[in-house]
C-alpha atoms as a PDB file:
ATOM      1  CA  MET A   1      60.129-100.406 -91.621  1.00  0.00           C
ATOM      2  CA  THR A   2      56.677 -97.514 -92.178  1.00  0.00           C
ATOM      3  CA  VAL A   3      54.997 -96.555 -89.260  1.00  0.00           C
ATOM      4  CA  THR A   4      50.831 -95.915 -89.541  1.00  0.00           C
ATOM      5  CA  ILE A   5      48.544 -95.525 -87.272  1.00  0.00           C
ATOM      6  CA  GLU A   6      48.047 -98.732 -85.948  1.00  0.00           C
ATOM      7  CA  SER A   7      51.573 -99.492 -84.851  1.00  0.00           C
ATOM      8  CA  SER A   8      51.848 -95.905 -82.632  1.00  0.00           C
ATOM      9  CA  PRO A   9      49.786 -94.416 -80.464  1.00  0.00           C
ATOM     10  CA  SER A  10      48.255 -91.302 -81.243  1.00  0.00           C
ATOM     11  CA  ALA A  11      48.805 -87.649 -80.666  1.00  0.00           C
ATOM     12  CA  VAL A  12      46.253 -88.305 -77.735  1.00  0.00           C
ATOM     13  CA  LEU A  13      47.974 -90.933 -76.472  1.00  0.00           C
ATOM     14  CA  THR A  14      51.623 -90.358 -76.758  1.00  0.00           C
ATOM     15  CA  THR A  15      51.464 -89.755 -73.011  1.00  0.00           C
ATOM     16  CA  PRO A  16      48.562 -93.117 -71.879  1.00  0.00           C
ATOM     17  CA  ALA A  17      46.065 -92.295 -69.955  1.00  0.00           C
ATOM     18  CA  SER A  18      46.738 -92.941 -66.547  1.00  0.00           C
ATOM     19  CA  SER A  19      44.944 -95.802 -64.526  1.00  0.00           C
ATOM     20  CA  PRO A  20      40.474 -95.522 -63.685  1.00  0.00           C
ATOM     21  CA  ALA A  21      41.612 -95.307 -60.042  1.00  0.00           C
ATOM     22  CA  LEU A  22      43.810 -92.494 -60.755  1.00  0.00           C
ATOM     23  CA  ALA A  23      42.111 -91.268 -62.879  1.00  0.00           C
ATOM     24  CA  ALA A  24      38.937 -90.861 -60.212  1.00  0.00           C
ATOM     25  CA  ALA A  25      41.235 -89.944 -57.337  1.00  0.00           C
ATOM     26  CA  HIS A  26      42.123 -86.853 -60.029  1.00  0.00           C
ATOM     27  CA  PHE A  27      38.426 -86.302 -61.501  1.00  0.00           C
ATOM     28  CA  GLY A  28      36.815 -86.182 -57.976  1.00  0.00           C
ATOM     29  CA  ALA A  29      39.079 -84.388 -56.135  1.00  0.00           C
ATOM     30  CA  LYS A  30      39.121 -81.214 -58.810  1.00  0.00           C
ATOM     31  CA  LEU A  31      35.296 -81.567 -58.724  1.00  0.00           C
ATOM     32  CA  ALA A  32      35.567 -80.624 -54.651  1.00  0.00           C
ATOM     33  CA  PHE A  33      37.549 -76.938 -55.785  1.00  0.00           C
ATOM     34  CA  GLU A  34      35.161 -76.758 -58.448  1.00  0.00           C
ATOM     35  CA  THR A  35      31.850 -76.143 -59.659  1.00  0.00           C
ATOM     36  CA  ASP A  36      30.209 -74.650 -62.843  1.00  0.00           C
ATOM     37  CA  CYS A  37      27.238 -71.245 -63.939  1.00  0.00           C
ATOM     38  CA  SER A  38      25.139 -74.465 -64.756  1.00  0.00           C
ATOM     39  CA  ASP A  39      25.348 -75.974 -60.944  1.00  0.00           C
ATOM     40  CA  VAL A  40      25.073 -72.828 -59.817  1.00  0.00           C
ATOM     41  CA  PHE A  41      22.077 -70.973 -61.608  1.00  0.00           C
ATOM     42  CA  SER A  42      20.177 -74.318 -61.144  1.00  0.00           C
ATOM     43  CA  ALA A  43      20.560 -75.166 -57.368  1.00  0.00           C
ATOM     44  CA  LEU A  44      19.691 -70.897 -57.260  1.00  0.00           C
ATOM     45  CA  SER A  45      16.849 -71.893 -59.093  1.00  0.00           C
ATOM     46  CA  ALA A  46      15.716 -74.364 -56.583  1.00  0.00           C
ATOM     47  CA  GLY A  47      16.017 -72.838 -53.763  1.00  0.00           C
ATOM     48  CA  ALA A  48      19.841 -73.895 -52.725  1.00  0.00           C
ATOM     49  CA  THR A  49      20.714 -72.562 -49.123  1.00  0.00           C
ATOM     50  CA  ASP A  50      23.770 -74.394 -48.304  1.00  0.00           C
ATOM     51  CA  PHE A  51      25.781 -71.848 -50.586  1.00  0.00           C
ATOM     52  CA  ILE A  52      26.692 -68.427 -50.911  1.00  0.00           C
ATOM     53  CA  LEU A  53      27.676 -66.994 -54.790  1.00  0.00           C
ATOM     54  CA  LEU A  54      30.142 -64.250 -53.785  1.00  0.00           C
ATOM     55  CA  ASP A  55      31.464 -61.773 -56.615  1.00  0.00           C
ATOM     56  CA  VAL A  56      34.638 -60.665 -56.192  1.00  0.00           C
ATOM     57  CA  ARG A  57      35.076 -58.361 -58.881  1.00  0.00           C
ATOM     58  CA  SER A  58      34.906 -54.790 -58.015  1.00  0.00           C
ATOM     59  CA  GLU A  59      31.992 -53.236 -56.550  1.00  0.00           C
ATOM     60  CA  ASN A  60      31.609 -50.459 -59.575  1.00  0.00           C
ATOM     61  CA  ALA A  61      31.758 -53.896 -61.877  1.00  0.00           C
ATOM     62  CA  PHE A  62      29.385 -55.596 -59.615  1.00  0.00           C
ATOM     63  CA  ALA A  63      26.741 -52.393 -59.281  1.00  0.00           C
ATOM     64  CA  ASP A  64      27.081 -52.829 -63.724  1.00  0.00           C
ATOM     65  CA  ILE A  65      25.505 -55.807 -63.619  1.00  0.00           C
ATOM     66  CA  HIS A  66      26.274 -59.459 -61.406  1.00  0.00           C
ATOM     67  CA  ALA A  67      25.050 -63.674 -62.151  1.00  0.00           C
ATOM     68  CA  GLN A  68      22.061 -63.186 -60.338  1.00  0.00           C
ATOM     69  CA  GLY A  69      21.796 -63.933 -57.392  1.00  0.00           C
ATOM     70  CA  ALA A  70      25.091 -63.224 -56.103  1.00  0.00           C
ATOM     71  CA  GLN A  71      26.796 -61.327 -53.244  1.00  0.00           C
ATOM     72  CA  ASN A  72      29.343 -58.979 -53.364  1.00  0.00           C
ATOM     73  CA  LEU A  73      32.576 -59.145 -51.834  1.00  0.00           C
ATOM     74  CA  PRO A  74      35.742 -57.850 -53.701  1.00  0.00           C
ATOM     75  CA  HIS A  75      38.794 -60.606 -53.071  1.00  0.00           C
ATOM     76  CA  ARG A  76      40.780 -57.329 -51.742  1.00  0.00           C
ATOM     77  CA  GLN A  77      38.770 -56.939 -49.175  1.00  0.00           C
ATOM     78  CA  ILE A  78      38.248 -60.694 -47.838  1.00  0.00           C
ATOM     79  CA  ASN A  79      39.950 -60.921 -43.955  1.00  0.00           C
ATOM     80  CA  ALA A  80      38.375 -62.441 -41.261  1.00  0.00           C
ATOM     81  CA  ALA A  81      35.938 -59.650 -39.929  1.00  0.00           C
ATOM     82  CA  ARG A  82      34.322 -59.546 -43.710  1.00  0.00           C
ATOM     83  CA  MET A  83      34.053 -63.675 -43.538  1.00  0.00           C
ATOM     84  CA  ALA A  84      32.455 -63.209 -40.246  1.00  0.00           C
ATOM     85  CA  GLN A  85      28.970 -61.361 -41.382  1.00  0.00           C
ATOM     86  CA  TYR A  86      27.741 -64.342 -42.991  1.00  0.00           C
ATOM     87  CA  PRO A  87      26.196 -67.529 -41.570  1.00  0.00           C
ATOM     88  CA  ALA A  88      28.407 -70.613 -40.790  1.00  0.00           C
ATOM     89  CA  ASN A  89      28.022 -73.305 -41.919  1.00  0.00           C
ATOM     90  CA  LYS A  90      27.703 -71.832 -45.234  1.00  0.00           C
ATOM     91  CA  THR A  91      29.730 -73.014 -48.505  1.00  0.00           C
ATOM     92  CA  PHE A  92      30.731 -69.553 -51.154  1.00  0.00           C
ATOM     93  CA  VAL A  93      30.997 -69.984 -54.366  1.00  0.00           C
ATOM     94  CA  VAL A  94      33.318 -66.750 -55.701  1.00  0.00           C
ATOM     95  CA  TYR A  95      33.332 -66.063 -59.177  1.00  0.00           C
ATOM     96  CA  CYS A  96      35.040 -63.172 -61.420  1.00  0.00           C
ATOM     97  CA  ALA A  97      35.487 -61.855 -64.577  1.00  0.00           C
ATOM     98  CA  GLY A  98      35.917 -65.134 -66.183  1.00  0.00           C
ATOM     99  CA  PRO A  99      39.576 -67.783 -66.971  1.00  0.00           C
ATOM    100  CA  HIS A 100      41.596 -64.217 -68.234  1.00  0.00           C
ATOM    101  CA  CYS A 101      41.841 -63.766 -64.889  1.00  0.00           C
ATOM    102  CA  ASN A 102      42.916 -65.147 -61.112  1.00  0.00           C
ATOM    103  CA  GLY A 103      40.567 -62.891 -59.185  1.00  0.00           C
ATOM    104  CA  ALA A 104      38.401 -65.816 -57.571  1.00  0.00           C
ATOM    105  CA  ASP A 105      41.295 -68.005 -57.110  1.00  0.00           C
ATOM    106  CA  GLN A 106      43.011 -64.885 -54.643  1.00  0.00           C
ATOM    107  CA  ALA A 107      39.460 -65.049 -53.265  1.00  0.00           C
ATOM    108  CA  ALA A 108      39.543 -69.065 -53.107  1.00  0.00           C
ATOM    109  CA  TYR A 109      43.100 -69.190 -51.750  1.00  0.00           C
ATOM    110  CA  LYS A 110      41.852 -66.142 -48.674  1.00  0.00           C
ATOM    111  CA  ILE A 111      38.583 -67.851 -48.106  1.00  0.00           C
ATOM    112  CA  ALA A 112      40.074 -70.460 -47.205  1.00  0.00           C
ATOM    113  CA  ARG A 113      43.041 -69.381 -45.566  1.00  0.00           C
ATOM    114  CA  LEU A 114      39.742 -68.336 -42.937  1.00  0.00           C
ATOM    115  CA  GLY A 115      38.798 -71.680 -42.678  1.00  0.00           C
ATOM    116  CA  TYR A 116      35.680 -71.469 -44.899  1.00  0.00           C
ATOM    117  CA  PRO A 117      34.617 -74.549 -47.341  1.00  0.00           C
ATOM    118  CA  VAL A 118      34.678 -73.351 -50.632  1.00  0.00           C
ATOM    119  CA  LYS A 119      34.324 -73.514 -54.734  1.00  0.00           C
ATOM    120  CA  LEU A 120      35.682 -71.861 -57.771  1.00  0.00           C
ATOM    121  CA  MET A 121      32.623 -71.180 -59.851  1.00  0.00           C
ATOM    122  CA  ILE A 122      33.970 -72.128 -63.680  1.00  0.00           C
ATOM    123  CA  GLY A 123      34.034 -69.911 -66.674  1.00  0.00           C
ATOM    124  CA  GLY A 124      33.100 -66.821 -64.037  1.00  0.00           C
ATOM    125  CA  ILE A 125      30.081 -64.127 -65.527  1.00  0.00           C
ATOM    126  CA  THR A 126      32.143 -64.989 -69.063  1.00  0.00           C
ATOM    127  CA  GLY A 127      30.762 -68.171 -68.535  1.00  0.00           C
ATOM    128  CA  TRP A 128      27.407 -67.203 -67.057  1.00  0.00           C
ATOM    129  CA  ALA A 129      26.758 -65.208 -70.065  1.00  0.00           C
ATOM    130  CA  ASP A 130      28.598 -67.622 -72.589  1.00  0.00           C
ATOM    131  CA  GLU A 131      25.557 -69.963 -70.812  1.00  0.00           C
ATOM    132  CA  GLY A 132      22.624 -67.749 -71.863  1.00  0.00           C
ATOM    133  CA  LEU A 133      21.808 -66.941 -67.706  1.00  0.00           C
ATOM    134  CA  PRO A 134      20.202 -64.414 -66.354  1.00  0.00           C
ATOM    135  CA  PHE A 135      21.996 -60.849 -64.803  1.00  0.00           C
ATOM    136  CA  GLU A 136      20.902 -58.813 -62.844  1.00  0.00           C
ATOM    137  CA  LYS A 137      21.452 -54.738 -63.630  1.00  0.00           C
ATOM    138  CA  GLY A 138      20.655 -51.823 -62.186  1.00  0.00           C
ATOM    139  CA  GLY A 139      18.018 -53.427 -59.385  1.00  0.00           C
ATOM    140  CA  SER A 140      16.218 -55.521 -62.683  1.00  0.00           C
ATOM    141  CA  VAL A 141      16.582 -59.257 -64.256  1.00  0.00           C
ATOM    142  CA  VAL A 142      18.270 -59.231 -67.535  1.00  0.00           C
ATOM    143  CA  THR A 143      19.476 -61.543 -70.262  1.00  0.00           C
ATOM    144  CA  ALA A 144      22.811 -61.660 -71.632  1.00  0.00           C
ATOM    145  CA  ASP A 145      21.798 -60.467 -74.924  1.00  0.00           C
ATOM    146  CA  SER A 146      20.090 -57.430 -73.707  1.00  0.00           C
ATOM    147  CA  ALA A 147      23.181 -56.460 -71.789  1.00  0.00           C
ATOM    148  CA  GLU A 148      25.218 -55.052 -73.553  1.00  0.00           C
ATOM    149  CA  MET A 149      27.727 -55.673 -71.131  1.00  0.00           C
ATOM    150  CA  ALA A 150      31.798 -55.525 -70.956  1.00  0.00           C
ATOM    151  CA  VAL A 151      33.180 -58.036 -68.248  1.00  0.00           C
ATOM    152  CA  SER A 152      35.547 -56.047 -66.089  1.00  0.00           C
ATOM    153  CA  CYS A 153      36.430 -57.175 -63.214  1.00  0.00           C
ATOM    154  CA  ALA A 154      38.125 -53.845 -62.430  1.00  0.00           C
ATOM    155  CA  CYS A 155      40.206 -55.989 -59.407  1.00  0.00           C
END
């Protein structure tokens, strides 16, 4: 007997897709935990005030370059006293260097444990650069091309 593509599932479907109901629950939950750079930038550009974008890298890394509109709170400094300095009823969107760093995950975990709503900006500053979004560097707005950046979290 010869096995053909028609009689055998592809590598993609060797494990079958979930039901649409399970898929909706999974992806809905995932979106409750994450957002992306483009949506953050678009929201900030439109004047959104319902979240605070936190760069959780070191103070030096933030001073060197950061996503336009971000505030800095290194993840190692997140505690109840520091979080109490922010306005109530805000959601925090956190980012670090990028997918190779778990600083944003550590920050999100601490912020959630302190009772604040939080989302992770997937891609971090690397994703921000990949999207070609503007940075702040030394008080000026710069593009990723002109930033001459070496992405670091220093966390």
